[in-house]
Amino acid sequence: MAALDDVASRLEGSPFISARPVSRGARVKIQFSRTPPSKPGVYIVYDCSDSENPEPFYVGEARDLSKRLTILFRCKCPAKNPHPCQSYYAKVKDVSVTEITCNEFCSRFRVRLFCTEGHLGRKEIEEFLQRRLGTNRDKFYRGL
């Protein structure tokens, strides 16, 4: 348990990573304030609509943090395969997923991450953080 507390403290104390859309001709690319590593890890998405008190919104794990965060903040037509954060955010805002603008989504959410190489398993850390922060991954996948 002490090892999980240590990982959680390090993760919660890490700097926020923000995303912003960058136009590349007909395509939109996501640019991060810090490049996420292509390593396994755990991440926490924060709702920063209240900049004074960002709220943990979603906890996840990934084999490749760079790829996962790119998928999370992608701008290309999310209606075909939206990330659970986009679906849940649309439901809360009472709009369709296609109505969520990339600028709006990227400006509202920030991420903190922790590479798990040489540490406990990603899933164990993810489940611990879900309990600790009161987020529930299932509600995003069920759309509740």
Protein backbone atom coordinates (compact mmCIF):
# COMPACT_ATOMS: atom_id res chain seq x y z
CA MET A 1 0.00 0.00 0.00
CA ALA A 2 2.88 2.38 0.75
CA ALA A 3 4.24 1.82 -2.76
CA LEU A 4 0.84 2.75 -4.26
CA ASP A 5 0.63 5.86 -2.08
CA ASP A 6 4.11 6.86 -3.23
CA VAL A 7 3.22 6.45 -6.91
CA ALA A 8 -0.05 8.36 -6.41
CA SER A 9 1.75 11.23 -4.67
CA ARG A 10 4.34 11.45 -7.42
CA LEU A 11 1.65 11.37 -10.10
CA GLU A 12 -0.54 13.97 -8.41
CA GLY A 13 2.49 16.22 -7.93
CA SER A 14 3.67 16.02 -11.52
CA PRO A 15 3.15 19.00 -13.84
CA PHE A 16 0.06 19.24 -16.03
CA ILE A 17 0.37 18.48 -19.72
CA SER A 18 -1.93 20.48 -21.94
CA ALA A 19 -2.93 19.84 -25.52
CA ARG A 20 -3.84 22.17 -28.35
CA PRO A 21 -4.91 21.60 -31.92
CA VAL A 22 -2.53 22.73 -34.66
CA SER A 23 -3.74 23.03 -38.23
CA ARG A 24 -1.70 21.10 -40.79
CA GLY A 25 -3.50 21.91 -44.02
CA ALA A 26 -6.62 19.76 -44.15
CA ARG A 27 -5.53 17.81 -41.05
CA VAL A 28 -5.47 18.79 -37.40
CA LYS A 29 -2.59 17.57 -35.26
CA ILE A 30 -2.43 17.64 -31.48
CA GLN A 31 0.54 19.37 -29.90
CA PHE A 32 1.33 18.74 -26.22
CA SER A 33 3.04 21.19 -23.86
CA ARG A 34 5.40 18.30 -22.96
CA THR A 35 5.82 15.30 -25.22
CA PRO A 36 4.34 12.22 -23.52
CA PRO A 37 6.77 9.29 -23.50
CA SER A 38 6.17 6.19 -25.60
CA LYS A 39 6.28 4.08 -22.44
CA PRO A 40 3.73 2.26 -20.31
CA GLY A 41 2.05 4.28 -17.60
CA VAL A 42 -0.97 5.69 -15.84
CA TYR A 43 -2.61 9.05 -16.44
CA ILE A 44 -5.20 11.25 -14.77
CA VAL A 45 -7.34 13.59 -16.85
CA TYR A 46 -8.35 16.72 -14.93
CA ASP A 47 -11.30 18.96 -15.70
CA CYS A 48 -9.73 22.42 -15.43
CA SER A 49 -12.86 24.48 -16.08
CA ASP A 50 -12.26 25.89 -12.60
CA SER A 51 -8.58 26.76 -12.91
CA GLU A 52 -8.26 27.24 -9.14
CA ASN A 53 -9.49 23.72 -8.34
CA PRO A 54 -8.92 21.20 -11.16
CA GLU A 55 -11.01 18.06 -10.57
CA PRO A 56 -9.87 14.52 -11.40
CA PHE A 57 -12.15 13.48 -14.26
CA TYR A 58 -10.80 10.19 -15.58
CA VAL A 59 -8.05 7.72 -14.65
CA GLY A 60 -6.57 5.44 -17.29
CA GLU A 61 -3.58 3.28 -18.12
CA ALA A 62 -1.77 2.69 -21.37
CA ARG A 63 0.97 0.58 -22.87
CA ASP A 64 2.13 3.66 -24.80
CA LEU A 65 1.26 6.98 -23.13
CA SER A 66 2.07 9.00 -26.24
CA LYS A 67 -0.35 7.06 -28.44
CA ARG A 68 -3.06 6.95 -25.78
CA LEU A 69 -3.00 10.70 -25.11
CA THR A 70 -3.05 11.42 -28.83
CA ILE A 71 -6.19 9.27 -29.11
CA LEU A 72 -7.70 10.96 -26.06
CA PHE A 73 -7.31 14.48 -27.47
CA ARG A 74 -7.68 13.70 -31.17
CA CYS A 75 -9.76 16.06 -33.24
CA LYS A 76 -10.68 14.00 -36.28
CA CYS A 77 -14.36 13.15 -36.35
CA PRO A 78 -14.72 11.60 -32.89
CA ALA A 79 -18.25 10.41 -33.65
CA LYS A 80 -16.88 7.26 -35.28
CA ASN A 81 -14.98 6.15 -32.19
CA PRO A 82 -15.06 8.73 -29.42
CA HIS A 83 -12.92 8.38 -26.34
CA PRO A 84 -15.04 7.85 -23.20
CA CYS A 85 -14.03 11.31 -21.92
CA GLN A 86 -15.46 12.89 -25.07
CA SER A 87 -18.69 10.87 -24.81
CA TYR A 88 -19.18 11.66 -21.14
CA TYR A 89 -18.34 15.34 -21.62
CA ALA A 90 -20.89 15.54 -24.45
CA LYS A 91 -23.54 13.95 -22.26
CA VAL A 92 -22.84 16.37 -19.38
CA LYS A 93 -22.92 19.36 -21.77
CA ASP A 94 -26.06 17.94 -23.46
CA VAL A 95 -24.52 18.10 -26.95
CA SER A 96 -23.58 15.48 -29.49
CA VAL A 97 -19.98 14.30 -29.66
CA THR A 98 -19.65 15.94 -33.08
CA GLU A 99 -20.57 19.30 -31.52
CA ILE A 100 -17.58 19.25 -29.18
CA THR A 101 -14.92 21.44 -30.69
CA CYS A 102 -11.32 20.39 -30.41
CA ASN A 103 -10.39 23.81 -28.97
CA GLU A 104 -13.07 23.54 -26.29
CA PHE A 105 -12.12 20.01 -25.26
CA CYS A 106 -8.36 20.64 -25.28
CA SER A 107 -8.63 23.90 -23.34
CA ARG A 108 -10.80 22.38 -20.62
CA PHE A 109 -8.80 19.22 -19.89
CA ARG A 110 -5.21 18.65 -18.73
CA VAL A 111 -3.33 15.45 -17.99
CA ARG A 112 -0.81 14.23 -15.44
CA LEU A 113 1.05 11.02 -16.11
CA PHE A 114 3.43 8.54 -14.53
CA CYS A 115 5.59 5.97 -16.35
CA THR A 116 5.27 2.58 -14.70
CA GLU A 117 8.42 0.95 -16.06
CA GLY A 118 10.10 -0.77 -13.12
CA HIS A 119 7.16 -0.09 -10.81
CA LEU A 120 3.93 -1.84 -9.90
CA GLY A 121 1.55 -2.87 -12.66
CA ARG A 122 -0.42 -0.22 -14.55
CA LYS A 123 -3.76 -1.82 -13.76
CA GLU A 124 -3.11 -1.94 -10.01
CA ILE A 125 -2.14 1.73 -9.97
CA GLU A 126 -5.14 2.67 -12.12
CA GLU A 127 -7.60 0.85 -9.83
CA PHE A 128 -5.99 2.35 -6.72
CA LEU A 129 -6.29 5.87 -8.16
CA GLN A 130 -9.90 5.31 -9.21
CA ARG A 131 -10.77 4.43 -5.61
CA ARG A 132 -8.64 7.21 -4.14
CA LEU A 133 -9.91 9.97 -6.44
CA GLY A 134 -13.50 8.78 -6.69
CA THR A 135 -13.45 8.44 -10.47
CA ASN A 136 -15.13 5.48 -12.06
CA ARG A 137 -13.88 4.29 -15.42
CA ASP A 138 -17.02 2.23 -15.97
CA LYS A 139 -19.29 5.29 -15.98
CA PHE A 140 -17.45 6.65 -19.00
CA TYR A 141 -17.73 3.39 -20.92
CA ARG A 142 -21.40 2.93 -20.02
CA GLY A 143 -22.16 6.60 -20.68
CA LEU A 144 -23.64 7.26 -17.25
